[in-house]
């Protein structure tokens, strides 16, 4: 289980890093669009995050001291923030351009999720 947890953590981190990189590549452009890989990276981060929580639950049952449970409140907030981010990405994915505010909102939600991840144990 430890190996699987590490693999899903790596996938999750790479997916979130992909979201940040895809959004930052739009920073210097006058016409901003939702990058094609943003929804894929977001969905991958979602699936990997759910797998990590499930694995931690299993690990906790085998050794509660070594593997404390994640804070379910923080996990719920992270989930809602990611769902909002994905909703905005799906809604604006086919548009020819998005406003600077929409782009900043996507980036802000991603940074918020990264900050919330720092509060997990």
PDB file of N, CA and C in Angstrom:
ATOM      1  N   UNK A   1       0.810  -1.196   0.000  1.00  0.00           N
ATOM      2  CA  UNK A   1       0.000   0.000   0.000  1.00  0.00           C
ATOM      3  C   UNK A   1       0.854   1.261   0.000  1.00  0.00           C
ATOM      4  N   UNK A   2       2.018   1.165   0.627  1.00  0.00           N
ATOM      5  CA  UNK A   2       2.893   2.329   0.696  1.00  0.00           C
ATOM      6  C   UNK A   2       3.350   2.746  -0.704  1.00  0.00           C
ATOM      7  N   UNK A   3       3.639   1.764  -1.535  1.00  0.00           N
ATOM      8  CA  UNK A   3       4.073   2.062  -2.898  1.00  0.00           C
ATOM      9  C   UNK A   3       2.935   2.692  -3.692  1.00  0.00           C
ATOM     10  N   UNK A   4       1.735   2.141  -3.572  1.00  0.00           N
ATOM     11  CA  UNK A   4       0.574   2.690  -4.280  1.00  0.00           C
ATOM     12  C   UNK A   4       0.295   4.121  -3.829  1.00  0.00           C
ATOM     13  N   UNK A   5       0.416   4.373  -2.524  1.00  0.00           N
ATOM     14  CA  UNK A   5       0.191   5.728  -2.007  1.00  0.00           C
ATOM     15  C   UNK A   5       1.212   6.695  -2.604  1.00  0.00           C
ATOM     16  N   UNK A   6       2.457   6.257  -2.696  1.00  0.00           N
ATOM     17  CA  UNK A   6       3.499   7.093  -3.289  1.00  0.00           C
ATOM     18  C   UNK A   6       3.270   7.360  -4.766  1.00  0.00           C
ATOM     19  N   UNK A   7       2.811   6.355  -5.480  1.00  0.00           N
ATOM     20  CA  UNK A   7       2.528   6.521  -6.909  1.00  0.00           C
ATOM     21  C   UNK A   7       1.392   7.513  -7.114  1.00  0.00           C
ATOM     22  N   UNK A   8       0.310   7.354  -6.348  1.00  0.00           N
ATOM     23  CA  UNK A   8      -0.816   8.279  -6.502  1.00  0.00           C
ATOM     24  C   UNK A   8      -0.454   9.689  -6.056  1.00  0.00           C
ATOM     25  N   UNK A   9       0.400   9.814  -5.049  1.00  0.00           N
ATOM     26  CA  UNK A   9       0.862  11.136  -4.634  1.00  0.00           C
ATOM     27  C   UNK A   9       1.653  11.787  -5.763  1.00  0.00           C
ATOM     28  N   UNK A  10       2.532  11.024  -6.392  1.00  0.00           N
ATOM     29  CA  UNK A  10       3.302  11.553  -7.520  1.00  0.00           C
ATOM     30  C   UNK A  10       2.415  11.978  -8.673  1.00  0.00           C
ATOM     31  N   UNK A  11       1.430  11.160  -9.006  1.00  0.00           N
ATOM     32  CA  UNK A  11       0.492  11.502 -10.083  1.00  0.00           C
ATOM     33  C   UNK A  11      -0.275  12.765  -9.722  1.00  0.00           C
ATOM     34  N   UNK A  12      -0.713  12.845  -8.468  1.00  0.00           N
ATOM     35  CA  UNK A  12      -1.473  14.012  -8.015  1.00  0.00           C
ATOM     36  C   UNK A  12      -0.615  15.278  -8.102  1.00  0.00           C
ATOM     37  N   UNK A  13       0.613  15.214  -7.618  1.00  0.00           N
ATOM     38  CA  UNK A  13       1.499  16.379  -7.656  1.00  0.00           C
ATOM     39  C   UNK A  13       1.808  16.813  -9.088  1.00  0.00           C
ATOM     40  N   UNK A  14       2.066  15.843  -9.963  1.00  0.00           N
ATOM     41  CA  UNK A  14       2.338  16.177 -11.363  1.00  0.00           C
ATOM     42  C   UNK A  14       1.120  16.799 -12.042  1.00  0.00           C
ATOM     43  N   UNK A  15      -0.059  16.320 -11.706  1.00  0.00           N
ATOM     44  CA  UNK A  15      -1.286  16.868 -12.291  1.00  0.00           C
ATOM     45  C   UNK A  15      -1.513  18.312 -11.856  1.00  0.00           C
ATOM     46  N   UNK A  16      -1.324  18.567 -10.577  1.00  0.00           N
ATOM     47  CA  UNK A  16      -1.511  19.940 -10.071  1.00  0.00           C
ATOM     48  C   UNK A  16      -0.431  20.853 -10.651  1.00  0.00           C
ATOM     49  N   UNK A  17       0.800  20.356 -10.732  1.00  0.00           N
ATOM     50  CA  UNK A  17       1.865  21.143 -11.354  1.00  0.00           C
ATOM     51  C   UNK A  17       1.528  21.426 -12.820  1.00  0.00           C
ATOM     52  N   UNK A  18       0.933  20.455 -13.491  1.00  0.00           N
ATOM     53  CA  UNK A  18       0.517  20.650 -14.877  1.00  0.00           C
ATOM     54  C   UNK A  18      -0.526  21.753 -15.012  1.00  0.00           C
ATOM     55  N   UNK A  19      -1.471  21.791 -14.086  1.00  0.00           N
ATOM     56  CA  UNK A  19      -2.484  22.851 -14.113  1.00  0.00           C
ATOM     57  C   UNK A  19      -1.819  24.211 -13.971  1.00  0.00           C
ATOM     58  N   UNK A  20      -0.914  24.330 -13.008  1.00  0.00           N
ATOM     59  CA  UNK A  20      -0.233  25.609 -12.770  1.00  0.00           C
ATOM     60  C   UNK A  20       0.580  26.016 -13.997  1.00  0.00           C
ATOM     61  N   UNK A  21       1.325  25.090 -14.559  1.00  0.00           N
ATOM     62  CA  UNK A  21       2.153  25.405 -15.724  1.00  0.00           C
ATOM     63  C   UNK A  21       1.289  25.806 -16.914  1.00  0.00           C
ATOM     64  N   UNK A  22       0.228  25.069 -17.158  1.00  0.00           N
ATOM     65  CA  UNK A  22      -0.660  25.401 -18.286  1.00  0.00           C
ATOM     66  C   UNK A  22      -1.268  26.791 -18.128  1.00  0.00           C
ATOM     67  N   UNK A  23      -1.640  27.142 -16.910  1.00  0.00           N
ATOM     68  CA  UNK A  23      -2.212  28.475 -16.690  1.00  0.00           C
ATOM     69  C   UNK A  23      -1.146  29.565 -16.784  1.00  0.00           C
ATOM     70  N   UNK A  24       0.038  29.298 -16.252  1.00  0.00           N
ATOM     71  CA  UNK A  24       1.097  30.315 -16.308  1.00  0.00           C
ATOM     72  C   UNK A  24       1.608  30.539 -17.725  1.00  0.00           C
ATOM     73  N   UNK A  25       1.499  29.529 -18.583  1.00  0.00           N
ATOM     74  CA  UNK A  25       1.886  29.726 -19.979  1.00  0.00           C
ATOM     75  C   UNK A  25       0.966  30.716 -20.687  1.00  0.00           C
ATOM     76  N   UNK A  26      -0.223  30.923 -20.143  1.00  0.00           N
ATOM     77  CA  UNK A  26      -1.170  31.880 -20.707  1.00  0.00           C
ATOM     78  C   UNK A  26      -0.917  33.303 -20.199  1.00  0.00           C
ATOM     79  N   UNK A  27      -0.073  33.468 -19.200  1.00  0.00           N
ATOM     80  CA  UNK A  27       0.093  34.754 -18.516  1.00  0.00           C
ATOM     81  C   UNK A  27       0.514  35.880 -19.457  1.00  0.00           C
ATOM     82  N   UNK A  28       1.441  35.625 -20.338  1.00  0.00           N
ATOM     83  CA  UNK A  28       1.946  36.683 -21.201  1.00  0.00           C
ATOM     84  C   UNK A  28       1.123  36.930 -22.451  1.00  0.00           C
ATOM     85  N   UNK A  29       0.125  36.131 -22.685  1.00  0.00           N
ATOM     86  CA  UNK A  29      -0.660  36.253 -23.910  1.00  0.00           C
ATOM     87  C   UNK A  29      -1.769  37.283 -23.751  1.00  0.00           C
ATOM     88  N   UNK A  30      -2.011  38.015 -24.815  1.00  0.00           N
ATOM     89  CA  UNK A  30      -3.084  39.013 -24.791  1.00  0.00           C
ATOM     90  C   UNK A  30      -4.446  38.330 -24.815  1.00  0.00           C
ATOM     91  N   UNK A  31      -4.571  37.270 -25.619  1.00  0.00           N
ATOM     92  CA  UNK A  31      -5.817  36.517 -25.699  1.00  0.00           C
ATOM     93  C   UNK A  31      -5.610  35.205 -24.940  1.00  0.00           C
ATOM     94  N   UNK A  32      -6.320  35.082 -23.837  1.00  0.00           N
ATOM     95  CA  UNK A  32      -6.178  33.888 -23.005  1.00  0.00           C
ATOM     96  C   UNK A  32      -7.288  32.894 -23.327  1.00  0.00           C
ATOM     97  N   UNK A  33      -6.930  31.614 -23.301  1.00  0.00           N
ATOM     98  CA  UNK A  33      -7.897  30.537 -23.510  1.00  0.00           C
ATOM     99  C   UNK A  33      -7.697  29.512 -22.398  1.00  0.00           C
ATOM    100  N   UNK A  34      -8.679  28.640 -22.240  1.00  0.00           N
ATOM    101  CA  UNK A  34      -8.511  27.526 -21.306  1.00  0.00           C
ATOM    102  C   UNK A  34      -7.627  26.509 -22.016  1.00  0.00           C
ATOM    103  N   UNK A  35      -6.459  26.205 -21.457  1.00  0.00           N
ATOM    104  CA  UNK A  35      -5.567  25.243 -22.118  1.00  0.00           C
ATOM    105  C   UNK A  35      -6.239  23.883 -22.280  1.00  0.00           C
ATOM    106  N   UNK A  36      -5.923  23.207 -23.369  1.00  0.00           N
ATOM    107  CA  UNK A  36      -6.554  21.923 -23.685  1.00  0.00           C
ATOM    108  C   UNK A  36      -6.340  20.876 -22.597  1.00  0.00           C
ATOM    109  N   UNK A  37      -5.181  20.840 -21.992  1.00  0.00           N
ATOM    110  CA  UNK A  37      -4.892  19.809 -21.002  1.00  0.00           C
ATOM    111  C   UNK A  37      -5.375  20.117 -19.600  1.00  0.00           C
ATOM    112  N   UNK A  38      -5.963  21.288 -19.384  1.00  0.00           N
ATOM    113  CA  UNK A  38      -6.359  21.688 -18.037  1.00  0.00           C
ATOM    114  C   UNK A  38      -7.410  20.758 -17.449  1.00  0.00           C
ATOM    115  N   UNK A  39      -8.422  20.428 -18.219  1.00  0.00           N
ATOM    116  CA  UNK A  39      -9.470  19.551 -17.688  1.00  0.00           C
ATOM    117  C   UNK A  39      -8.931  18.141 -17.454  1.00  0.00           C
ATOM    118  N   UNK A  40      -8.050  17.680 -18.328  1.00  0.00           N
ATOM    119  CA  UNK A  40      -7.472  16.352 -18.136  1.00  0.00           C
ATOM    120  C   UNK A  40      -6.606  16.310 -16.885  1.00  0.00           C
ATOM    121  N   UNK A  41      -5.796  17.338 -16.690  1.00  0.00           N
ATOM    122  CA  UNK A  41      -4.946  17.395 -15.501  1.00  0.00           C
ATOM    123  C   UNK A  41      -5.808  17.508 -14.238  1.00  0.00           C
ATOM    124  N   UNK A  42      -6.876  18.283 -14.306  1.00  0.00           N
ATOM    125  CA  UNK A  42      -7.759  18.418 -13.154  1.00  0.00           C
ATOM    126  C   UNK A  42      -8.469  17.124 -12.801  1.00  0.00           C
ATOM    127  N   UNK A  43      -8.954  16.425 -13.804  1.00  0.00           N
ATOM    128  CA  UNK A  43      -9.615  15.139 -13.548  1.00  0.00           C
ATOM    129  C   UNK A  43      -8.627  14.093 -13.037  1.00  0.00           C
ATOM    130  N   UNK A  44      -7.404  14.126 -13.555  1.00  0.00           N
ATOM    131  CA  UNK A  44      -6.382  13.203 -13.064  1.00  0.00           C
ATOM    132  C   UNK A  44      -6.049  13.499 -11.607  1.00  0.00           C
ATOM    133  N   UNK A  45      -5.939  14.777 -11.262  1.00  0.00           N
ATOM    134  CA  UNK A  45      -5.675  15.157  -9.871  1.00  0.00           C
ATOM    135  C   UNK A  45      -6.823  14.717  -8.967  1.00  0.00           C
ATOM    136  N   UNK A  46      -8.053  14.835  -9.458  1.00  0.00           N
ATOM    137  CA  UNK A  46      -9.223  14.423  -8.683  1.00  0.00           C
ATOM    138  C   UNK A  46      -9.202  12.923  -8.402  1.00  0.00           C
ATOM    139  N   UNK A  47      -8.984  12.128  -9.428  1.00  0.00           N
ATOM    140  CA  UNK A  47      -8.969  10.670  -9.265  1.00  0.00           C
ATOM    141  C   UNK A  47      -7.811  10.244  -8.357  1.00  0.00           C
ATOM    142  N   UNK A  48      -6.633  10.837  -8.561  1.00  0.00           N
ATOM    143  CA  UNK A  48      -5.484  10.485  -7.730  1.00  0.00           C
ATOM    144  C   UNK A  48      -5.719  10.908  -6.277  1.00  0.00           C
ATOM    145  N   UNK A  49      -6.347  12.052  -6.069  1.00  0.00           N
ATOM    146  CA  UNK A  49      -6.645  12.504  -4.708  1.00  0.00           C
ATOM    147  C   UNK A  49      -7.623  11.584  -4.002  1.00  0.00           C
ATOM    148  N   UNK A  50      -8.640  11.153  -4.712  1.00  0.00           N
ATOM    149  CA  UNK A  50      -9.612  10.218  -4.118  1.00  0.00           C
ATOM    150  C   UNK A  50      -8.916   8.896  -3.777  1.00  0.00           C
ATOM    151  N   UNK A  51      -8.038   8.441  -4.670  1.00  0.00           N
ATOM    152  CA  UNK A  51      -7.302   7.200  -4.399  1.00  0.00           C
ATOM    153  C   UNK A  51      -6.401   7.359  -3.175  1.00  0.00           C
ATOM    154  N   UNK A  52      -5.755   8.513  -3.029  1.00  0.00           N
ATOM    155  CA  UNK A  52      -4.878   8.740  -1.885  1.00  0.00           C
ATOM    156  C   UNK A  52      -5.656   8.719  -0.576  1.00  0.00           C
ATOM    157  N   UNK A  53      -6.843   9.318  -0.566  1.00  0.00           N
ATOM    158  CA  UNK A  53      -7.662   9.318   0.645  1.00  0.00           C
ATOM    159  C   UNK A  53      -8.106   7.894   0.978  1.00  0.00           C
ATOM    160  N   UNK A  54      -8.500   7.139  -0.027  1.00  0.00           N
ATOM    161  CA  UNK A  54      -8.913   5.753   0.200  1.00  0.00           C
ATOM    162  C   UNK A  54      -7.779   4.889   0.719  1.00  0.00           C
ATOM    163  N   UNK A  55      -6.598   5.069   0.153  1.00  0.00           N
ATOM    164  CA  UNK A  55      -5.441   4.302   0.612  1.00  0.00           C
ATOM    165  C   UNK A  55      -5.089   4.678   2.046  1.00  0.00           C
ATOM    166  N   UNK A  56      -5.166   5.972   2.370  1.00  0.00           N
ATOM    167  CA  UNK A  56      -4.854   6.392   3.734  1.00  0.00           C
ATOM    168  C   UNK A  56      -5.836   5.792   4.732  1.00  0.00           C
ATOM    169  N   UNK A  57      -7.112   5.691   4.352  1.00  0.00           N
ATOM    170  CA  UNK A  57      -8.101   5.057   5.230  1.00  0.00           C
ATOM    171  C   UNK A  57      -7.695   3.613   5.515  1.00  0.00           C
ATOM    172  N   UNK A  58      -7.285   2.909   4.482  1.00  0.00           N
ATOM    173  CA  UNK A  58      -6.867   1.519   4.637  1.00  0.00           C
ATOM    174  C   UNK A  58      -5.606   1.414   5.499  1.00  0.00           C
ATOM    175  N   UNK A  59      -4.651   2.294   5.260  1.00  0.00           N
ATOM    176  CA  UNK A  59      -3.430   2.289   6.048  1.00  0.00           C
ATOM    177  C   UNK A  59      -3.716   2.608   7.511  1.00  0.00           C
ATOM    178  N   UNK A  60      -4.637   3.512   7.751  1.00  0.00           N
ATOM    179  CA  UNK A  60      -4.989   3.898   9.114  1.00  0.00           C
ATOM    180  C   UNK A  60      -5.556   2.709   9.889  1.00  0.00           C
ATOM    181  N   UNK A  61      -6.313   1.891   9.218  1.00  0.00           N
ATOM    182  CA  UNK A  61      -6.898   0.725   9.893  1.00  0.00           C
ATOM    183  C   UNK A  61      -5.846  -0.315  10.268  1.00  0.00           C
ATOM    184  N   UNK A  62      -4.739  -0.352   9.537  1.00  0.00           N
ATOM    185  CA  UNK A  62      -3.687  -1.307   9.875  1.00  0.00           C
ATOM    186  C   UNK A  62      -2.735  -0.765  10.938  1.00  0.00           C
ATOM    187  N   UNK A  63      -2.438   0.559  10.903  1.00  0.00           N
ATOM    188  CA  UNK A  63      -1.545   1.165  11.890  1.00  0.00           C
ATOM    189  C   UNK A  63      -1.937   2.625  12.079  1.00  0.00           C
ATOM    190  N   UNK A  64      -2.795   2.876  13.060  1.00  0.00           N
ATOM    191  CA  UNK A  64      -3.364   4.209  13.268  1.00  0.00           C
ATOM    192  C   UNK A  64      -2.310   5.243  13.666  1.00  0.00           C
ATOM    193  N   UNK A  65      -1.265   4.832  14.357  1.00  0.00           N
ATOM    194  CA  UNK A  65      -0.248   5.793  14.796  1.00  0.00           C
ATOM    195  C   UNK A  65       0.658   6.230  13.658  1.00  0.00           C
ATOM    196  N   UNK A  66       0.984   5.319  12.784  1.00  0.00           N
ATOM    197  CA  UNK A  66       1.874   5.638  11.671  1.00  0.00           C
ATOM    198  C   UNK A  66       1.153   6.390  10.555  1.00  0.00           C
ATOM    199  N   UNK A  67      -0.154   6.152  10.409  1.00  0.00           N
ATOM    200  CA  UNK A  67      -0.923   6.748   9.323  1.00  0.00           C
ATOM    201  C   UNK A  67      -2.173   7.439   9.869  1.00  0.00           C
ATOM    202  N   UNK A  68      -2.031   8.656  10.384  1.00  0.00           N
ATOM    203  CA  UNK A  68      -3.224   9.359  10.866  1.00  0.00           C
ATOM    204  C   UNK A  68      -4.134   9.729   9.692  1.00  0.00           C
ATOM    205  N   UNK A  69      -5.407   9.845   9.969  1.00  0.00           N
ATOM    206  CA  UNK A  69      -6.364  10.192   8.916  1.00  0.00           C
ATOM    207  C   UNK A  69      -6.193  11.638   8.486  1.00  0.00           C
ATOM    208  N   UNK A  70      -6.522  11.900   7.231  1.00  0.00           N
ATOM    209  CA  UNK A  70      -6.537  13.275   6.752  1.00  0.00           C
ATOM    210  C   UNK A  70      -7.719  14.001   7.378  1.00  0.00           C
ATOM    211  N   UNK A  71      -7.633  15.321   7.430  1.00  0.00           N
ATOM    212  CA  UNK A  71      -8.727  16.133   7.925  1.00  0.00           C
ATOM    213  C   UNK A  71      -9.831  16.130   6.861  1.00  0.00           C
ATOM    214  N   UNK A  72     -10.963  15.540   7.173  1.00  0.00           N
ATOM    215  CA  UNK A  72     -12.046  15.412   6.192  1.00  0.00           C
ATOM    216  C   UNK A  72     -12.613  16.763   5.771  1.00  0.00           C
ATOM    217  N   UNK A  73     -12.578  17.743   6.656  1.00  0.00           N
ATOM    218  CA  UNK A  73     -13.042  19.080   6.296  1.00  0.00           C
ATOM    219  C   UNK A  73     -12.174  19.695   5.214  1.00  0.00           C
ATOM    220  N   UNK A  74     -10.869  19.563   5.370  1.00  0.00           N
ATOM    221  CA  UNK A  74      -9.944  20.096   4.372  1.00  0.00           C
ATOM    222  C   UNK A  74     -10.095  19.350   3.052  1.00  0.00           C
ATOM    223  N   UNK A  75     -10.250  18.039   3.120  1.00  0.00           N
ATOM    224  CA  UNK A  75     -10.447  17.244   1.902  1.00  0.00           C
ATOM    225  C   UNK A  75     -11.723  17.700   1.189  1.00  0.00           C
ATOM    226  N   UNK A  76     -12.785  17.948   1.955  1.00  0.00           N
ATOM    227  CA  UNK A  76     -14.051  18.392   1.354  1.00  0.00           C
ATOM    228  C   UNK A  76     -13.889  19.744   0.677  1.00  0.00           C
ATOM    229  N   UNK A  77     -13.187  20.676   1.319  1.00  0.00           N
ATOM    230  CA  UNK A  77     -12.979  22.004   0.722  1.00  0.00           C
ATOM    231  C   UNK A  77     -12.128  21.879  -0.536  1.00  0.00           C
ATOM    232  N   UNK A  78     -11.072  21.053  -0.489  1.00  0.00           N
ATOM    233  CA  UNK A  78     -10.251  20.832  -1.678  1.00  0.00           C
ATOM    234  C   UNK A  78     -11.083  20.248  -2.818  1.00  0.00           C
ATOM    235  N   UNK A  79     -11.967  19.332  -2.492  1.00  0.00           N
ATOM    236  CA  UNK A  79     -12.828  18.714  -3.491  1.00  0.00           C
ATOM    237  C   UNK A  79     -13.741  19.763  -4.136  1.00  0.00           C
ATOM    238  N   UNK A  80     -14.363  20.597  -3.318  1.00  0.00           N
ATOM    239  CA  UNK A  80     -15.269  21.618  -3.841  1.00  0.00           C
ATOM    240  C   UNK A  80     -14.510  22.623  -4.705  1.00  0.00           C
ATOM    241  N   UNK A  81     -13.324  23.040  -4.263  1.00  0.00           N
ATOM    242  CA  UNK A  81     -12.525  23.987  -5.052  1.00  0.00           C
ATOM    243  C   UNK A  81     -12.164  23.374  -6.404  1.00  0.00           C
ATOM    244  N   UNK A  82     -11.781  22.111  -6.413  1.00  0.00           N
ATOM    245  CA  UNK A  82     -11.430  21.453  -7.680  1.00  0.00           C
ATOM    246  C   UNK A  82     -12.655  21.294  -8.576  1.00  0.00           C
ATOM    247  N   UNK A  83     -13.796  21.005  -8.006  1.00  0.00           N
ATOM    248  CA  UNK A  83     -15.021  20.893  -8.810  1.00  0.00           C
ATOM    249  C   UNK A  83     -15.368  22.250  -9.434  1.00  0.00           C
ATOM    250  N   UNK A  84     -15.220  23.331  -8.682  1.00  0.00           N
ATOM    251  CA  UNK A  84     -15.470  24.673  -9.230  1.00  0.00           C
ATOM    252  C   UNK A  84     -14.486  24.956 -10.363  1.00  0.00           C
ATOM    253  N   UNK A  85     -13.215  24.629 -10.148  1.00  0.00           N
ATOM    254  CA  UNK A  85     -12.204  24.840 -11.176  1.00  0.00           C
ATOM    255  C   UNK A  85     -12.546  24.058 -12.442  1.00  0.00           C
ATOM    256  N   UNK A  86     -12.916  22.785 -12.281  1.00  0.00           N
ATOM    257  CA  UNK A  86     -13.261  21.961 -13.440  1.00  0.00           C
ATOM    258  C   UNK A  86     -14.518  22.464 -14.140  1.00  0.00           C
ATOM    259  N   UNK A  87     -15.486  22.935 -13.367  1.00  0.00           N
ATOM    260  CA  UNK A  87     -16.713  23.489 -13.960  1.00  0.00           C
ATOM    261  C   UNK A  87     -16.389  24.705 -14.816  1.00  0.00           C
ATOM    262  N   UNK A  88     -15.554  25.602 -14.297  1.00  0.00           N
ATOM    263  CA  UNK A  88     -15.153  26.774 -15.078  1.00  0.00           C
ATOM    264  C   UNK A  88     -14.380  26.366 -16.330  1.00  0.00           C
ATOM    265  N   UNK A  89     -13.521  25.371 -16.194  1.00  0.00           N
ATOM    266  CA  UNK A  89     -12.733  24.920 -17.344  1.00  0.00           C
ATOM    267  C   UNK A  89     -13.631  24.291 -18.410  1.00  0.00           C
ATOM    268  N   UNK A  90     -14.577  23.446 -17.993  1.00  0.00           N
ATOM    269  CA  UNK A  90     -15.495  22.831 -18.962  1.00  0.00           C
ATOM    270  C   UNK A  90     -16.378  23.885 -19.618  1.00  0.00           C
ATOM    271  N   UNK A  91     -16.870  24.828 -18.821  1.00  0.00           N
ATOM    272  CA  UNK A  91     -17.781  25.856 -19.329  1.00  0.00           C
ATOM    273  C   UNK A  91     -17.084  26.761 -20.349  1.00  0.00           C
ATOM    274  N   UNK A  92     -15.834  27.077 -20.098  1.00  0.00           N
ATOM    275  CA  UNK A  92     -15.111  28.008 -20.965  1.00  0.00           C
ATOM    276  C   UNK A  92     -14.158  27.325 -21.929  1.00  0.00           C
ATOM    277  N   UNK A  93     -14.134  26.011 -21.941  1.00  0.00           N
ATOM    278  CA  UNK A  93     -13.181  25.278 -22.762  1.00  0.00           C
ATOM    279  C   UNK A  93     -13.337  25.478 -24.251  1.00  0.00           C
ATOM    280  N   UNK A  94     -14.546  25.676 -24.719  1.00  0.00           N
ATOM    281  CA  UNK A  94     -14.793  25.821 -26.163  1.00  0.00           C
ATOM    282  C   UNK A  94     -14.757  27.278 -26.628  1.00  0.00           C
ATOM    283  N   UNK A  95     -14.682  28.200 -25.685  1.00  0.00           N
ATOM    284  CA  UNK A  95     -14.656  29.617 -26.060  1.00  0.00           C
ATOM    285  C   UNK A  95     -13.339  29.971 -26.743  1.00  0.00           C
ATOM    286  N   UNK A  96     -13.406  30.962 -27.615  1.00  0.00           N
ATOM    287  CA  UNK A  96     -12.203  31.406 -28.307  1.00  0.00           C
ATOM    288  C   UNK A  96     -11.255  32.152 -27.385  1.00  0.00           C
ATOM    289  N   UNK A  97     -11.828  32.786 -26.336  1.00  0.00           N
ATOM    290  CA  UNK A  97     -10.984  33.480 -25.364  1.00  0.00           C
ATOM    291  C   UNK A  97     -11.735  33.584 -24.040  1.00  0.00           C
ATOM    292  N   UNK A  98     -10.968  33.768 -22.989  1.00  0.00           N
ATOM    293  CA  UNK A  98     -11.559  34.000 -21.675  1.00  0.00           C
ATOM    294  C   UNK A  98     -11.022  35.328 -21.150  1.00  0.00           C
ATOM    295  N   UNK A  99     -11.744  35.891 -20.207  1.00  0.00           N
ATOM    296  CA  UNK A  99     -11.312  37.172 -19.656  1.00  0.00           C
ATOM    297  C   UNK A  99     -10.135  36.957 -18.719  1.00  0.00           C
ATOM    298  N   UNK A 100      -9.454  38.031 -18.433  1.00  0.00           N
ATOM    299  CA  UNK A 100      -8.333  37.974 -17.488  1.00  0.00           C
ATOM    300  C   UNK A 100      -8.820  37.544 -16.110  1.00  0.00           C
ATOM    301  N   UNK A 101     -10.040  37.972 -15.748  1.00  0.00           N
ATOM    302  CA  UNK A 101     -10.609  37.598 -14.451  1.00  0.00           C
ATOM    303  C   UNK A 101     -10.864  36.091 -14.379  1.00  0.00           C
ATOM    304  N   UNK A 102     -11.394  35.512 -15.444  1.00  0.00           N
ATOM    305  CA  UNK A 102     -11.625  34.062 -15.460  1.00  0.00           C
ATOM    306  C   UNK A 102     -10.305  33.300 -15.365  1.00  0.00           C
ATOM    307  N   UNK A 103      -9.290  33.776 -16.075  1.00  0.00           N
ATOM    308  CA  UNK A 103      -7.982  33.148 -16.010  1.00  0.00           C
ATOM    309  C   UNK A 103      -7.408  33.259 -14.595  1.00  0.00           C
ATOM    310  N   UNK A 104      -7.512  34.450 -14.005  1.00  0.00           N
ATOM    311  CA  UNK A 104      -6.997  34.666 -12.653  1.00  0.00           C
ATOM    312  C   UNK A 104      -7.767  33.821 -11.635  1.00  0.00           C
ATOM    313  N   UNK A 105      -9.061  33.631 -11.870  1.00  0.00           N
ATOM    314  CA  UNK A 105      -9.859  32.792 -10.974  1.00  0.00           C
ATOM    315  C   UNK A 105      -9.381  31.350 -11.031  1.00  0.00           C
ATOM    316  N   UNK A 106      -9.129  30.843 -12.229  1.00  0.00           N
ATOM    317  CA  UNK A 106      -8.612  29.478 -12.367  1.00  0.00           C
ATOM    318  C   UNK A 106      -7.270  29.328 -11.653  1.00  0.00           C
ATOM    319  N   UNK A 107      -6.394  30.297 -11.849  1.00  0.00           N
ATOM    320  CA  UNK A 107      -5.084  30.244 -11.201  1.00  0.00           C
ATOM    321  C   UNK A 107      -5.222  30.379  -9.685  1.00  0.00           C
ATOM    322  N   UNK A 108      -6.088  31.276  -9.240  1.00  0.00           N
ATOM    323  CA  UNK A 108      -6.302  31.466  -7.807  1.00  0.00           C
ATOM    324  C   UNK A 108      -6.865  30.228  -7.132  1.00  0.00           C
ATOM    325  N   UNK A 109      -7.814  29.565  -7.789  1.00  0.00           N
ATOM    326  CA  UNK A 109      -8.370  28.330  -7.227  1.00  0.00           C
ATOM    327  C   UNK A 109      -7.299  27.240  -7.124  1.00  0.00           C
ATOM    328  N   UNK A 110      -6.425  27.184  -8.109  1.00  0.00           N
ATOM    329  CA  UNK A 110      -5.353  26.193  -8.078  1.00  0.00           C
ATOM    330  C   UNK A 110      -4.384  26.490  -6.930  1.00  0.00           C
ATOM    331  N   UNK A 111      -4.017  27.753  -6.772  1.00  0.00           N
ATOM    332  CA  UNK A 111      -3.108  28.135  -5.685  1.00  0.00           C
ATOM    333  C   UNK A 111      -3.776  27.886  -4.328  1.00  0.00           C
ATOM    334  N   UNK A 112      -5.070  28.157  -4.227  1.00  0.00           N
ATOM    335  CA  UNK A 112      -5.806  27.887  -2.985  1.00  0.00           C
ATOM    336  C   UNK A 112      -5.745  26.399  -2.655  1.00  0.00           C
ATOM    337  N   UNK A 113      -5.941  25.558  -3.643  1.00  0.00           N
ATOM    338  CA  UNK A 113      -5.896  24.105  -3.416  1.00  0.00           C
ATOM    339  C   UNK A 113      -4.501  23.652  -2.986  1.00  0.00           C
ATOM    340  N   UNK A 114      -3.477  24.265  -3.546  1.00  0.00           N
ATOM    341  CA  UNK A 114      -2.111  23.935  -3.138  1.00  0.00           C
ATOM    342  C   UNK A 114      -1.889  24.361  -1.687  1.00  0.00           C
ATOM    343  N   UNK A 115      -2.386  25.524  -1.333  1.00  0.00           N
ATOM    344  CA  UNK A 115      -2.264  25.996   0.042  1.00  0.00           C
ATOM    345  C   UNK A 115      -2.996  25.102   1.018  1.00  0.00           C
ATOM    346  N   UNK A 116      -4.182  24.643   0.629  1.00  0.00           N
ATOM    347  CA  UNK A 116      -4.932  23.738   1.497  1.00  0.00           C
ATOM    348  C   UNK A 116      -4.215  22.406   1.660  1.00  0.00           C
ATOM    349  N   UNK A 117      -3.526  21.967   0.629  1.00  0.00           N
ATOM    350  CA  UNK A 117      -2.784  20.711   0.714  1.00  0.00           C
ATOM    351  C   UNK A 117      -1.681  20.800   1.765  1.00  0.00           C
ATOM    352  N   UNK A 118      -1.153  21.997   1.957  1.00  0.00           N
ATOM    353  CA  UNK A 118      -0.123  22.176   2.966  1.00  0.00           C
ATOM    354  C   UNK A 118      -0.628  22.014   4.389  1.00  0.00           C
ATOM    355  N   UNK A 119      -1.932  22.106   4.576  1.00  0.00           N
ATOM    356  CA  UNK A 119      -2.491  21.957   5.923  1.00  0.00           C
ATOM    357  C   UNK A 119      -2.789  20.503   6.266  1.00  0.00           C
ATOM    358  N   UNK A 120      -2.720  19.613   5.272  1.00  0.00           N
ATOM    359  CA  UNK A 120      -2.973  18.192   5.534  1.00  0.00           C
ATOM    360  C   UNK A 120      -1.759  17.560   6.187  1.00  0.00           C
ATOM    361  N   UNK A 121      -1.996  16.537   6.970  1.00  0.00           N
ATOM    362  CA  UNK A 121      -0.879  15.813   7.595  1.00  0.00           C
ATOM    363  C   UNK A 121      -0.650  14.513   6.887  1.00  0.00           C
TER     364      UNK A 121
END
